[in-house]
Amino acid sequence: MAASNMNNLTTLIKRLEAATSRLEDMTQPPADGVASTANGTAASGAAGGNTSATQRGPSTSTSTPQPPSQVLAPAIEDFDALINSQVTKFVNLSDELGGVVAEQSSGVLRAFGAQRKILIVSTRAKKPDVQSTAFMEILTELQTQMSAVGDVREANRASKFFSHLSAVSEGIGALAWITVEPKPADYIGEMFGGAQFYGNRVLKDYKDKDKSHIEWIQAFYQIFRSLSAYVKQHYPTGLVWNNKSGVDAKDALAQVDSRPSSARAPSTTGPSPTGGAGGPAPPPPPPLPKFDNPPPPPPKNDPPKSGSTGGDMNSVFAQLNQGEAVTSGLKKVDPSQMTHKNPSLRAGSPVMTPNDSQSSLSSTSRAKSPAPPPPGKKPKPDSMRTASATSTSTKRPPRKELEGNKWIIEHFDSPPTSSLPITIPVSLAHSLLITSCRNTTLRISGKANAISISNCSRLSLIIDSLVSSVDVVKSPHFALQVLGSVPTVVMDQVDQATLYLGRASVNTEILTSQCVGVNVCLPEGVVGRGAGEKMVDEGEEEGEFKEHPLPEQIKSFVRGGRVVSEIVEHAG
């Protein structure tokens, strides 16, 4: 009895399975291309309910299972939507502009198609080593298309659309986000910034001229805004690979290259309603050059040709490997011909070549010229070089000469009679220019107009009177003594200076800038400016001098909405 019930149950299960199979076959779309059969009979009949395959009992059907059709991942479908909407709109606007702009936009579309193939490979393959040949093969087509976009720009630099081409050429680099971790979206933003530099020129040049160019650049901007949002949604930390169940990267690339219907690139002529099938595949990239078989080296005994590039390195290394035998072909020099053993040969004139005179002249001039400045710095003229720099250069003869109404005093360096001053007689119309003097004392006899001093070191100057001023620039350890009167003393970048002012010059104005260690020596009992100051003769006894330092520290603060500066005083 139990066996009979078991047989009835088995028969009932078979009938239920057959009915379920018929109903499922009728509810499936015909695109799947799978004709399910049960017990060897084709499915037919009216539509009925739907039963899940997981609710069936053990199947005894004799039908052969068909492989499931390839289903695109959501990331690929969204990428197809980006191409069919944003990229296609940009290509259509580029076609309206025509010319090189349309040519370059077609390269942009092919580059996006190449990146789509990489995304499909990543869903089927395990992550390869970034240094492996498999990874390089995956990137080859994308690199080729991106380079083609840049080549259009380089080939049309004289075009009136150069700003258009430059914006696209700079922005296409954003497609390299697939190699960036862990923030590829930030990389897209950086590339987009470079494209905006040229894109903003397009906006400026065509703002009030042609709106089609404005729409074109805005469409290009929108591509990368959408691409950045797409990457943040699907690949926030970098390209994701199928490391769990994926195949080898080369095998996955071969499968994608076979172009099944579900893995084809989107249409290059316009948006497709299905977002799947498209036009013909882009042409394959050109073959890589082969470096496995370098050209054979020429025979060792052949003389090198004048047009050869760099000679044959193999023959050079072969000669070096000979060891001591490499010098066997050199000519032996007799001791009688050696100049270091025969002083008489050194005394004679050397053998001159036609270019020896020019080379010796150039070497002499190079010896006299100062050392070249370091890279990135321009040499300073002689008038702006400091005293330390001029002292290290070749000494020049001292000069004291009157040119018209101007005395030129320069290049005096510790003269033999340094204990005695060098006297220069002047008149009211004379001015003096003193430069590049060291350890020198000058006595200006008479009343001159003005004195200018620059790039001197340890210069001592004694003057009677001046009509205008004494200007001192970049002259450390400077000393000035005024016997008569001087209206103004101006010092700029002077380190360690001492000014001796007589009773007739106590009203002198002193202007300093970037100066350190400046002291003014005044006769004792001098009141200075103000009422009650008596007039004295220039020949009157000065008495003892008292030293007064000039301030170097300034305190600034805001008072009443204004910046006020005061001298910092140190008590004690």
Protein backbone atom coordinates (compact mmCIF):
# COMPACT_ATOMS: atom_id res chain seq x y z
CA MET A 1 0.00 0.00 0.00
CA ALA A 2 2.84 2.32 0.83
CA ALA A 3 4.55 1.58 -2.47
CA SER A 4 1.37 2.40 -4.40
CA ASN A 5 1.00 5.76 -2.64
CA MET A 6 4.64 6.55 -3.41
CA ASN A 7 4.13 5.88 -7.12
CA ASN A 8 1.05 8.11 -7.22
CA LEU A 9 2.97 10.89 -5.50
CA THR A 10 5.82 10.61 -8.01
CA THR A 11 3.40 10.77 -10.92
CA LEU A 12 1.71 13.83 -9.46
CA ILE A 13 5.03 15.62 -9.03
CA LYS A 14 5.94 14.95 -12.66
CA ARG A 15 2.64 16.33 -13.89
CA LEU A 16 3.02 19.45 -11.75
CA GLU A 17 6.54 19.98 -13.08
CA ALA A 18 5.42 19.70 -16.65
CA ALA A 19 2.61 22.20 -16.13
CA THR A 20 4.92 24.62 -14.35
CA SER A 21 7.46 24.45 -17.17
CA ARG A 22 4.81 25.20 -19.77
CA LEU A 23 3.57 28.23 -17.86
CA GLU A 24 7.08 29.63 -17.33
CA ASP A 25 7.98 29.25 -21.00
CA MET A 26 4.95 31.27 -22.03
CA THR A 27 5.64 34.14 -19.58
CA GLN A 28 9.33 34.57 -20.64
CA PRO A 29 10.09 37.20 -23.39
CA PRO A 30 11.10 35.76 -26.76
CA ALA A 31 14.44 37.69 -26.65
CA ASP A 32 15.85 35.20 -24.21
CA GLY A 33 15.89 32.63 -27.01
CA VAL A 34 15.38 29.70 -24.64
CA ALA A 35 12.72 27.12 -25.60
CA SER A 36 12.09 25.10 -22.49
CA THR A 37 10.69 21.59 -22.88
CA ALA A 38 9.29 19.09 -20.44
CA ASN A 39 9.41 15.32 -21.02
CA GLY A 40 10.63 15.99 -24.57
CA THR A 41 7.43 17.87 -25.59
CA ALA A 42 7.41 21.52 -26.73
CA ALA A 43 5.62 23.92 -24.39
CA SER A 44 2.26 25.26 -25.52
CA GLY A 45 -1.07 26.36 -24.04
CA ALA A 46 -2.66 29.38 -22.50
CA ALA A 47 -1.04 31.67 -19.96
CA GLY A 48 -1.53 30.80 -16.35
CA GLY A 49 0.06 31.43 -12.94
CA ASN A 50 3.77 31.78 -12.23
CA THR A 51 5.61 29.39 -9.92
CA SER A 52 9.16 29.98 -8.74
CA ALA A 53 11.82 27.48 -9.72
CA THR A 54 12.87 27.19 -6.13
CA GLN A 55 9.48 25.73 -5.21
CA ARG A 56 9.73 22.78 -7.62
CA GLY A 57 10.41 19.23 -6.60
CA PRO A 58 13.19 17.09 -8.03
CA SER A 59 13.12 17.46 -11.80
CA THR A 60 13.04 14.50 -14.09
CA SER A 61 12.88 16.60 -17.27
CA THR A 62 15.11 15.51 -20.13
CA SER A 63 15.54 19.05 -21.54
CA THR A 64 19.13 20.36 -22.03
CA PRO A 65 19.84 23.51 -19.90
CA GLN A 66 20.82 26.63 -21.93
CA PRO A 67 23.50 29.10 -20.70
CA PRO A 68 21.93 32.29 -19.33
CA SER A 69 22.30 35.45 -21.41
CA GLN A 70 24.90 38.07 -20.30
CA VAL A 71 23.28 40.77 -18.15
CA LEU A 72 24.98 44.16 -17.89
CA ALA A 73 25.88 45.41 -14.44
CA PRO A 74 24.13 48.57 -13.19
CA ALA A 75 27.41 50.49 -13.43
CA ILE A 76 27.70 49.64 -17.15
CA GLU A 77 24.09 50.60 -17.81
CA ASP A 78 24.60 53.98 -16.13
CA PHE A 79 27.77 54.51 -18.16
CA ASP A 80 25.84 53.75 -21.34
CA ALA A 81 23.25 56.31 -20.29
CA LEU A 82 26.03 58.90 -19.81
CA ILE A 83 27.39 58.20 -23.30
CA ASN A 84 23.99 58.19 -24.99
CA SER A 85 22.96 61.46 -23.34
CA GLN A 86 25.88 63.77 -22.46
CA VAL A 87 28.62 62.55 -24.82
CA THR A 88 26.28 62.17 -27.79
CA LYS A 89 24.91 65.69 -27.23
CA PHE A 90 28.47 67.05 -27.23
CA VAL A 91 29.29 65.18 -30.44
CA ASN A 92 26.16 66.52 -32.17
CA LEU A 93 27.03 70.11 -31.19
CA SER A 94 30.59 69.55 -32.42
CA ASP A 95 29.27 68.35 -35.76
CA GLU A 96 27.37 71.62 -36.08
CA LEU A 97 30.63 73.54 -35.62
CA GLY A 98 32.33 71.17 -38.04
CA GLY A 99 35.97 71.05 -39.07
CA VAL A 100 38.63 70.02 -36.59
CA VAL A 101 36.18 70.37 -33.69
CA ALA A 102 33.98 67.61 -35.12
CA GLU A 103 37.04 65.50 -35.86
CA GLN A 104 38.26 65.76 -32.29
CA SER A 105 34.82 65.04 -30.80
CA SER A 106 34.67 61.73 -32.63
CA GLY A 107 37.90 60.80 -30.85
CA VAL A 108 36.25 61.70 -27.53
CA LEU A 109 33.38 59.31 -28.30
CA ARG A 110 35.82 56.53 -29.19
CA ALA A 111 37.73 57.16 -25.95
CA PHE A 112 34.54 56.75 -23.92
CA GLY A 113 33.84 53.55 -25.83
CA ALA A 114 37.29 52.27 -24.95
CA GLN A 115 36.69 53.05 -21.28
CA ARG A 116 33.35 51.22 -21.40
CA LYS A 117 35.18 48.11 -22.52
CA ILE A 118 37.56 48.42 -19.56
CA LEU A 119 34.60 48.69 -17.18
CA ILE A 120 33.08 45.52 -18.65
CA VAL A 121 36.39 43.70 -18.28
CA SER A 122 36.55 44.75 -14.62
CA THR A 123 33.19 43.06 -13.95
CA ARG A 124 34.47 39.74 -15.34
CA ALA A 125 38.13 39.61 -14.36
CA LYS A 126 40.22 39.60 -11.25
CA LYS A 127 42.36 42.67 -10.66
CA PRO A 128 45.69 42.28 -12.51
CA ASP A 129 48.99 43.68 -11.37
CA VAL A 130 49.32 47.28 -12.54
CA GLN A 131 52.82 46.47 -13.83
CA SER A 132 51.71 43.38 -15.76
CA THR A 133 51.35 43.17 -19.53
CA ALA A 134 47.69 42.20 -19.11
CA PHE A 135 46.90 45.52 -17.45
CA MET A 136 48.81 47.40 -20.14
CA GLU A 137 46.86 45.58 -22.86
CA ILE A 138 43.61 46.57 -21.20
CA LEU A 139 44.63 50.25 -21.23
CA THR A 140 46.14 50.26 -24.73
CA GLU A 141 42.99 51.21 -26.65
CA LEU A 142 42.05 53.96 -24.19
CA GLN A 143 45.56 55.43 -24.32
CA THR A 144 45.50 55.38 -28.11
CA GLN A 145 42.20 57.22 -28.33
CA MET A 146 43.22 59.80 -25.73
CA SER A 147 46.46 60.44 -27.62
CA ALA A 148 44.51 60.86 -30.84
CA VAL A 149 42.44 63.62 -29.21
CA GLY A 150 45.63 65.43 -28.19
CA ASP A 151 47.17 64.98 -31.65
CA VAL A 152 44.31 66.93 -33.22
CA ARG A 153 45.21 69.89 -31.03
CA GLU A 154 48.93 69.71 -31.81
CA ALA A 155 48.28 69.48 -35.55
CA ASN A 156 46.04 72.57 -35.59
CA ARG A 157 47.80 75.14 -33.41
CA ALA A 158 47.15 77.85 -35.98
CA SER A 159 43.41 77.13 -36.05
CA LYS A 160 40.93 79.76 -34.85
CA PHE A 161 39.42 76.98 -32.73
CA PHE A 162 42.63 76.35 -30.82
CA SER A 163 40.97 77.19 -27.50
CA HIS A 164 38.24 74.65 -28.28
CA LEU A 165 40.78 71.96 -29.12
CA SER A 166 42.88 72.76 -26.04
CA ALA A 167 39.91 72.53 -23.69
CA VAL A 168 39.00 69.07 -24.99
CA SER A 169 42.63 67.92 -25.05
CA GLU A 170 43.14 68.96 -21.42
CA GLY A 171 39.85 67.49 -20.24
CA ILE A 172 40.13 64.10 -21.92
CA GLY A 173 42.80 63.16 -19.40
CA ALA A 174 40.02 62.74 -16.83
CA LEU A 175 39.32 59.31 -18.34
CA ALA A 176 42.48 58.10 -16.63
CA TRP A 177 40.52 58.00 -13.35
CA ILE A 178 40.41 54.22 -13.68
CA THR A 179 44.07 54.11 -12.61
CA VAL A 180 43.64 56.43 -9.60
CA GLU A 181 43.06 55.31 -6.03
CA PRO A 182 41.56 56.04 -3.55
CA LYS A 183 39.75 59.19 -4.75
CA PRO A 184 39.29 59.07 -8.52
CA ALA A 185 36.54 61.72 -8.44
CA ASP A 186 39.04 64.29 -7.15
CA TYR A 187 41.33 63.48 -10.07
CA ILE A 188 38.48 64.19 -12.48
CA GLY A 189 38.01 67.56 -10.81
CA GLU A 190 41.69 68.41 -11.32
CA MET A 191 41.56 67.56 -15.02
CA PHE A 192 38.33 69.49 -15.36
CA GLY A 193 40.09 72.55 -13.92
CA GLY A 194 42.69 72.40 -16.68
CA ALA A 195 39.96 72.20 -19.30
CA GLN A 196 38.17 75.21 -17.80
CA PHE A 197 41.26 77.38 -18.34
CA TYR A 198 40.75 77.16 -22.11
CA GLY A 199 36.99 76.70 -21.94
CA ASN A 200 36.59 80.04 -20.21
CA ARG A 201 38.40 81.64 -23.14
CA VAL A 202 35.73 80.23 -25.41
CA LEU A 203 33.04 81.68 -23.14
CA LYS A 204 34.77 85.07 -23.20
CA ASP A 205 35.46 85.17 -26.95
CA TYR A 206 31.97 84.09 -28.05
CA LYS A 207 29.86 85.57 -25.26
CA ASP A 208 28.15 88.12 -27.51
CA LYS A 209 28.97 86.59 -30.90
CA ASP A 210 27.79 83.00 -31.36
CA LYS A 211 25.67 81.14 -28.81
CA SER A 212 26.42 77.78 -30.42
CA HIS A 213 29.98 77.90 -29.05
CA ILE A 214 28.62 78.67 -25.58
CA GLU A 215 26.29 75.66 -25.78
CA TRP A 216 29.17 73.53 -27.04
CA ILE A 217 31.52 74.28 -24.13
CA GLN A 218 28.72 73.96 -21.59
CA ALA A 219 27.89 70.52 -23.01
CA PHE A 220 31.55 69.55 -22.63
CA TYR A 221 31.56 70.77 -19.02
CA GLN A 222 28.44 68.72 -18.31
CA ILE A 223 30.16 65.52 -19.46
CA PHE A 224 32.72 65.71 -16.69
CA ARG A 225 30.24 66.85 -14.07
CA SER A 226 28.18 63.75 -14.87
CA LEU A 227 31.31 61.58 -15.00
CA SER A 228 32.38 62.78 -11.56
CA ALA A 229 28.93 62.01 -10.12
CA TYR A 230 28.99 58.60 -11.81
CA VAL A 231 32.39 57.73 -10.32
CA LYS A 232 31.33 58.87 -6.85
CA GLN A 233 28.28 56.60 -7.07
CA HIS A 234 29.82 53.41 -8.48
CA TYR A 235 33.59 53.69 -7.91
CA PRO A 236 34.17 56.03 -4.95
CA THR A 237 37.53 54.45 -4.03
CA GLY A 238 38.69 53.30 -7.45
CA LEU A 239 37.89 50.78 -10.15
CA VAL A 240 36.28 47.61 -8.69
CA TRP A 241 37.29 44.18 -10.03
CA ASN A 242 35.61 40.78 -9.72
CA ASN A 243 38.18 39.19 -7.41
CA LYS A 244 35.79 36.49 -6.12
CA SER A 245 34.58 34.73 -9.25
CA GLY A 246 36.41 36.57 -12.00
CA VAL A 247 38.65 35.03 -14.65
CA ASP A 248 42.09 36.08 -15.77
CA ALA A 249 42.28 39.63 -17.15
CA LYS A 250 43.52 38.48 -20.57
CA ASP A 251 40.68 35.96 -20.89
CA ALA A 252 38.12 38.59 -19.94
CA LEU A 253 39.59 41.00 -22.49
CA ALA A 254 39.36 38.33 -25.17
CA GLN A 255 35.71 37.72 -24.29
CA VAL A 256 34.86 41.41 -24.54
CA ASP A 257 36.74 41.73 -27.82
CA SER A 258 34.54 38.96 -29.25
CA ARG A 259 31.69 41.49 -28.97
CA PRO A 260 28.60 39.54 -27.86
CA SER A 261 25.31 41.32 -28.39
CA SER A 262 24.94 42.27 -24.73
CA ALA A 263 28.42 43.73 -24.46
CA ARG A 264 28.62 45.95 -27.51
CA ALA A 265 29.36 49.59 -27.19
CA PRO A 266 26.54 52.10 -27.49
CA SER A 267 25.70 53.61 -30.84
CA THR A 268 28.06 56.26 -32.18
CA THR A 269 25.37 57.84 -34.35
CA GLY A 270 22.87 58.75 -31.67
CA PRO A 271 21.09 57.55 -28.56
CA SER A 272 19.63 54.08 -28.73
CA PRO A 273 16.26 53.29 -27.11
CA THR A 274 17.60 50.07 -25.69
CA GLY A 275 21.00 51.45 -24.71
CA GLY A 276 22.67 48.27 -25.92
CA ALA A 277 23.42 47.49 -29.56
CA GLY A 278 25.32 50.07 -31.59
CA GLY A 279 27.42 50.79 -34.65
CA PRO A 280 30.62 49.15 -35.80
CA ALA A 281 33.46 48.70 -33.38
CA PRO A 282 36.32 51.21 -33.47
CA PRO A 283 39.43 50.16 -35.36
CA PRO A 284 41.98 48.22 -33.35
CA PRO A 285 45.03 50.09 -32.06
CA PRO A 286 48.20 49.93 -34.15
CA PRO A 287 50.62 47.14 -33.26
CA LEU A 288 53.31 47.96 -30.74
CA PRO A 289 56.89 48.14 -32.03
CA LYS A 290 59.05 45.11 -31.37
CA PHE A 291 62.31 45.57 -29.53
CA ASP A 292 63.21 41.90 -29.18
CA ASN A 293 65.50 41.79 -32.22
CA PRO A 294 67.79 44.83 -32.34
CA PRO A 295 69.77 45.36 -35.54
CA PRO A 296 73.07 43.44 -35.64
CA PRO A 297 76.21 45.49 -34.93
CA PRO A 298 78.56 46.29 -37.81
CA PRO A 299 81.85 44.33 -38.11
CA LYS A 300 84.53 45.41 -35.67
CA ASN A 301 87.12 46.06 -38.39
CA ASP A 302 84.90 48.38 -40.42
CA PRO A 303 85.57 52.08 -39.93
CA PRO A 304 82.67 53.98 -38.42
CA LYS A 305 80.48 55.77 -40.90
CA SER A 306 80.06 59.51 -40.69
CA GLY A 307 76.27 59.22 -40.70
CA SER A 308 76.06 56.63 -37.92
CA THR A 309 74.16 57.68 -34.81
CA GLY A 310 76.29 57.28 -31.75
CA GLY A 311 78.55 54.53 -33.15
CA ASP A 312 78.33 50.87 -32.25
CA MET A 313 78.39 50.45 -28.48
CA ASN A 314 79.01 46.74 -28.78
CA SER A 315 82.37 47.35 -30.45
CA VAL A 316 83.27 49.90 -27.77
CA PHE A 317 82.58 47.44 -24.97
CA ALA A 318 84.43 44.74 -26.88
CA GLN A 319 87.55 46.93 -26.98
CA LEU A 320 87.25 47.82 -23.31
CA ASN A 321 87.06 44.14 -22.43
CA GLN A 322 90.51 43.59 -23.96
CA GLY A 323 92.11 44.86 -20.78
CA GLU A 324 95.71 46.01 -21.12
CA ALA A 325 95.75 44.95 -24.76
CA VAL A 326 93.56 47.94 -25.64
CA THR A 327 96.65 50.22 -25.57
CA SER A 328 98.74 47.98 -27.80
CA GLY A 329 97.98 50.10 -30.87
CA LEU A 330 99.07 53.40 -29.33
CA LYS A 331 102.24 55.12 -30.49
CA LYS A 332 105.19 55.02 -28.11
CA VAL A 333 106.60 58.44 -27.21
CA ASP A 334 110.37 58.71 -27.03
CA PRO A 335 111.72 60.29 -23.79
CA SER A 336 113.41 62.97 -25.86
CA GLN A 337 109.99 64.16 -26.98
CA MET A 338 108.51 64.44 -23.48
CA THR A 339 108.16 68.05 -22.36
CA HIS A 340 108.14 67.19 -18.64
CA LYS A 341 111.61 65.62 -19.05
CA ASN A 342 113.05 68.26 -21.38
CA PRO A 343 112.73 71.88 -20.14
CA SER A 344 114.10 73.09 -23.48
CA LEU A 345 110.96 71.86 -25.22
CA ARG A 346 108.78 73.86 -22.81
CA ALA A 347 110.75 77.03 -23.54
CA GLY A 348 110.09 76.77 -27.25
CA SER A 349 106.85 77.92 -28.88
CA PRO A 350 104.21 75.21 -29.03
CA VAL A 351 102.73 73.99 -32.28
CA MET A 352 99.78 76.25 -33.08
CA THR A 353 96.67 75.16 -34.89
CA PRO A 354 94.57 77.61 -36.92
CA ASN A 355 92.07 77.91 -34.05
CA ASP A 356 94.65 78.14 -31.24
CA SER A 357 94.80 81.92 -31.38
CA GLN A 358 91.05 82.19 -31.00
CA SER A 359 90.90 79.59 -28.22
CA SER A 360 93.71 81.28 -26.29
CA LEU A 361 91.99 84.61 -26.65
CA SER A 362 88.71 83.19 -25.40
CA SER A 363 90.42 81.47 -22.47
CA THR A 364 92.05 84.76 -21.49
CA SER A 365 88.73 86.55 -21.58
CA ARG A 366 87.13 83.79 -19.58
CA ALA A 367 89.83 84.09 -16.93
CA LYS A 368 89.11 87.78 -16.51
CA SER A 369 85.32 87.43 -16.39
CA PRO A 370 83.60 86.73 -13.06
CA ALA A 371 82.14 83.34 -12.30
CA PRO A 372 78.73 82.74 -13.91
CA PRO A 373 75.71 83.16 -11.66
CA PRO A 374 73.83 80.09 -10.42
CA PRO A 375 70.93 78.80 -12.55
CA GLY A 376 67.79 80.88 -12.31
CA LYS A 377 69.58 84.10 -11.28
CA LYS A 378 70.59 87.00 -13.50
CA PRO A 379 74.03 88.57 -13.00
CA LYS A 380 74.06 91.95 -11.33
CA PRO A 381 75.72 94.95 -12.98
CA ASP A 382 78.95 96.25 -11.51
CA SER A 383 77.21 99.25 -9.99
CA MET A 384 74.95 96.97 -7.87
CA ARG A 385 77.53 94.46 -6.69
CA THR A 386 78.53 94.63 -3.07
CA ALA A 387 81.99 95.48 -1.90
CA SER A 388 82.68 91.86 -0.94
CA ALA A 389 81.83 90.73 -4.43
CA THR A 390 83.99 93.31 -6.11
CA SER A 391 86.90 92.54 -3.84
CA THR A 392 87.00 88.92 -4.97
CA SER A 393 87.12 89.86 -8.65
CA THR A 394 90.23 90.90 -10.52
CA LYS A 395 91.61 94.21 -9.27
CA ARG A 396 91.29 97.19 -11.55
CA PRO A 397 93.62 100.18 -11.60
CA PRO A 398 92.56 103.06 -9.31
CA ARG A 399 91.05 106.06 -10.98
CA LYS A 400 90.73 109.71 -9.91
CA GLU A 401 89.62 111.80 -12.82
CA LEU A 402 87.55 114.93 -13.44
CA GLU A 403 85.09 114.53 -16.32
CA GLY A 404 83.46 117.86 -16.94
CA ASN A 405 82.01 118.86 -13.56
CA LYS A 406 82.05 115.33 -12.09
CA TRP A 407 84.88 113.72 -10.18
CA ILE A 408 85.17 109.92 -10.69
CA ILE A 409 86.97 108.16 -7.82
CA GLU A 410 86.97 104.34 -8.00
CA HIS A 411 88.95 101.14 -7.35
CA PHE A 412 91.21 102.49 -4.62
CA ASP A 413 92.15 99.51 -2.44
CA SER A 414 94.49 100.15 0.51
CA PRO A 415 96.71 102.66 -1.26
CA PRO A 416 100.41 102.67 -0.23
CA THR A 417 99.96 106.01 1.53
CA SER A 418 96.80 104.89 3.30
CA SER A 419 97.87 106.76 6.44
CA LEU A 420 97.55 109.98 4.45
CA PRO A 421 94.23 111.00 2.90
CA ILE A 422 93.81 111.41 -0.84
CA THR A 423 93.03 115.09 -1.36
CA ILE A 424 90.55 116.15 -4.02
CA PRO A 425 90.16 119.92 -4.65
CA VAL A 426 86.60 120.86 -5.60
CA SER A 427 84.51 123.89 -6.45
CA LEU A 428 80.87 124.79 -6.09
CA ALA A 429 79.89 123.23 -9.46
CA HIS A 430 81.61 119.89 -8.84
CA SER A 431 79.89 116.64 -7.84
CA LEU A 432 81.70 113.45 -6.82
CA LEU A 433 81.00 109.77 -7.59
CA ILE A 434 82.93 107.36 -5.35
CA THR A 435 82.63 103.60 -6.07
CA SER A 436 84.41 100.32 -5.25
CA CYS A 437 86.96 101.73 -2.82
CA ARG A 438 88.34 99.80 0.18
CA ASN A 439 90.40 100.89 3.17
CA THR A 440 90.71 104.40 1.75
CA THR A 441 90.56 107.92 3.27
CA LEU A 442 89.44 110.83 1.05
CA ARG A 443 89.76 114.55 1.86
CA ILE A 444 87.38 116.78 -0.09
CA SER A 445 88.91 120.24 -0.01
CA GLY A 446 86.50 123.06 -0.75
CA LYS A 447 82.71 123.34 -1.10
CA ALA A 448 81.20 120.88 -3.59
CA ASN A 449 77.68 120.34 -4.86
CA ALA A 450 76.93 116.67 -3.94
CA ILE A 451 78.65 113.36 -3.20
CA SER A 452 77.44 109.84 -4.14
CA ILE A 453 79.08 106.74 -2.59
CA SER A 454 78.29 103.12 -3.50
CA ASN A 455 79.79 99.68 -2.97
CA CYS A 456 82.66 100.84 -0.81
CA SER A 457 84.06 99.19 2.29
CA ARG A 458 85.83 100.91 5.19
CA LEU A 459 85.77 104.27 3.45
CA SER A 460 86.56 107.40 5.49
CA LEU A 461 85.43 110.72 4.07
CA ILE A 462 86.39 114.20 5.32
CA ILE A 463 84.57 117.12 3.75
CA ASP A 464 84.38 120.88 4.28
CA SER A 465 80.90 121.83 3.09
CA LEU A 466 78.27 120.74 0.57
CA VAL A 467 75.42 122.47 -1.18
CA SER A 468 73.20 119.39 -1.45
CA SER A 469 73.72 116.00 0.23
CA VAL A 470 75.87 112.91 0.78
CA ASP A 471 74.25 109.70 -0.53
CA VAL A 472 75.72 106.40 0.72
CA VAL A 473 74.55 103.01 -0.61
CA LYS A 474 75.81 99.52 0.34
CA SER A 475 78.98 100.71 2.00
CA PRO A 476 79.74 98.94 5.30
CA HIS A 477 82.03 100.44 7.93
CA PHE A 478 81.59 103.97 6.63
CA ALA A 479 82.94 107.06 8.41
CA LEU A 480 82.11 110.70 7.67
CA GLN A 481 83.49 113.87 9.24
CA VAL A 482 81.95 117.24 8.39
CA LEU A 483 84.09 120.25 9.14
CA GLY A 484 81.64 122.81 7.78
CA SER A 485 77.94 122.29 7.01
CA VAL A 486 75.99 119.61 5.10
CA PRO A 487 72.21 119.89 4.68
CA THR A 488 71.42 116.14 4.31
CA VAL A 489 73.03 112.73 4.74
CA VAL A 490 71.17 109.77 3.13
CA MET A 491 72.23 106.19 3.91
CA ASP A 492 70.73 103.02 2.44
CA GLN A 493 71.83 99.48 3.41
CA VAL A 494 74.80 100.64 5.41
CA ASP A 495 76.20 98.44 8.17
CA GLN A 496 78.26 100.13 10.88
CA ALA A 497 78.63 103.86 10.18
CA THR A 498 79.94 106.80 12.24
CA LEU A 499 79.14 110.44 11.49
CA TYR A 500 81.13 113.30 13.09
CA LEU A 501 79.20 116.55 12.85
CA GLY A 502 80.75 119.88 13.82
CA ARG A 503 78.99 122.81 15.48
CA ALA A 504 78.18 124.31 12.07
CA SER A 505 76.42 121.11 10.91
CA VAL A 506 74.27 120.27 13.93
CA ASN A 507 71.15 120.99 11.82
CA THR A 508 72.01 118.26 9.34
CA GLU A 509 69.11 115.89 8.46
CA ILE A 510 70.01 112.20 8.50
CA LEU A 511 67.84 109.73 6.53
CA THR A 512 68.48 106.00 6.99
CA SER A 513 66.97 102.88 5.41
CA GLN A 514 67.92 99.29 6.28
CA CYS A 515 70.90 100.51 8.24
CA VAL A 516 72.46 98.90 11.31
CA GLY A 517 74.85 100.32 13.86
CA VAL A 518 74.80 104.00 12.86
CA ASN A 519 76.22 106.44 15.43
CA VAL A 520 76.29 110.25 15.32
CA CYS A 521 79.05 112.06 17.24
CA LEU A 522 78.22 115.61 18.32
CA PRO A 523 80.30 118.16 20.21
CA GLU A 524 79.35 118.45 23.84
CA GLY A 525 77.07 121.33 24.72
CA VAL A 526 75.31 121.43 21.34
CA VAL A 527 71.60 122.19 21.64
CA GLY A 528 70.61 121.58 18.01
CA ARG A 529 67.55 122.97 16.27
CA GLY A 530 65.41 125.50 18.07
CA ALA A 531 65.57 128.94 19.53
CA GLY A 532 68.64 130.08 21.30
CA GLU A 533 71.17 128.28 19.11
CA LYS A 534 74.01 130.67 18.52
CA MET A 535 75.93 130.87 15.25
CA VAL A 536 79.54 129.69 15.38
CA ASP A 537 82.45 129.94 13.03
CA GLU A 538 83.64 126.85 11.18
CA GLY A 539 87.10 127.22 12.67
CA GLU A 540 85.94 127.25 16.29
CA GLU A 541 87.23 124.55 18.60
CA GLU A 542 84.96 121.53 18.68
CA GLY A 543 85.99 120.09 22.05
CA GLU A 544 85.05 116.54 22.91
CA PHE A 545 82.46 114.55 20.96
CA LYS A 546 79.63 112.53 22.45
CA GLU A 547 78.26 109.47 20.64
CA HIS A 548 74.51 109.18 19.95
CA PRO A 549 73.16 105.96 18.37
CA LEU A 550 70.37 106.14 15.80
CA PRO A 551 67.28 104.00 16.60
CA GLU A 552 66.85 100.63 14.88
CA GLN A 553 63.75 99.22 16.61
CA ILE A 554 60.34 100.70 15.84
CA LYS A 555 57.08 99.91 17.65
CA SER A 556 53.86 100.36 15.65
CA PHE A 557 50.27 100.31 16.92
CA VAL A 558 46.82 101.58 16.01
CA ARG A 559 45.53 104.72 17.72
CA GLY A 560 42.37 106.47 16.69
CA GLY A 561 42.08 104.52 13.47
CA ARG A 562 45.65 105.33 12.41
CA VAL A 563 48.91 103.40 12.60
CA VAL A 564 51.36 105.13 14.90
CA SER A 565 55.06 104.24 15.09
CA GLU A 566 57.34 105.05 17.97
CA ILE A 567 60.98 104.41 18.76
CA VAL A 568 61.63 101.60 21.22
CA GLU A 569 63.67 103.01 24.10
CA HIS A 570 65.72 100.83 26.44
CA ALA A 571 66.27 102.22 29.91
CA GLY A 572 69.28 101.31 31.98
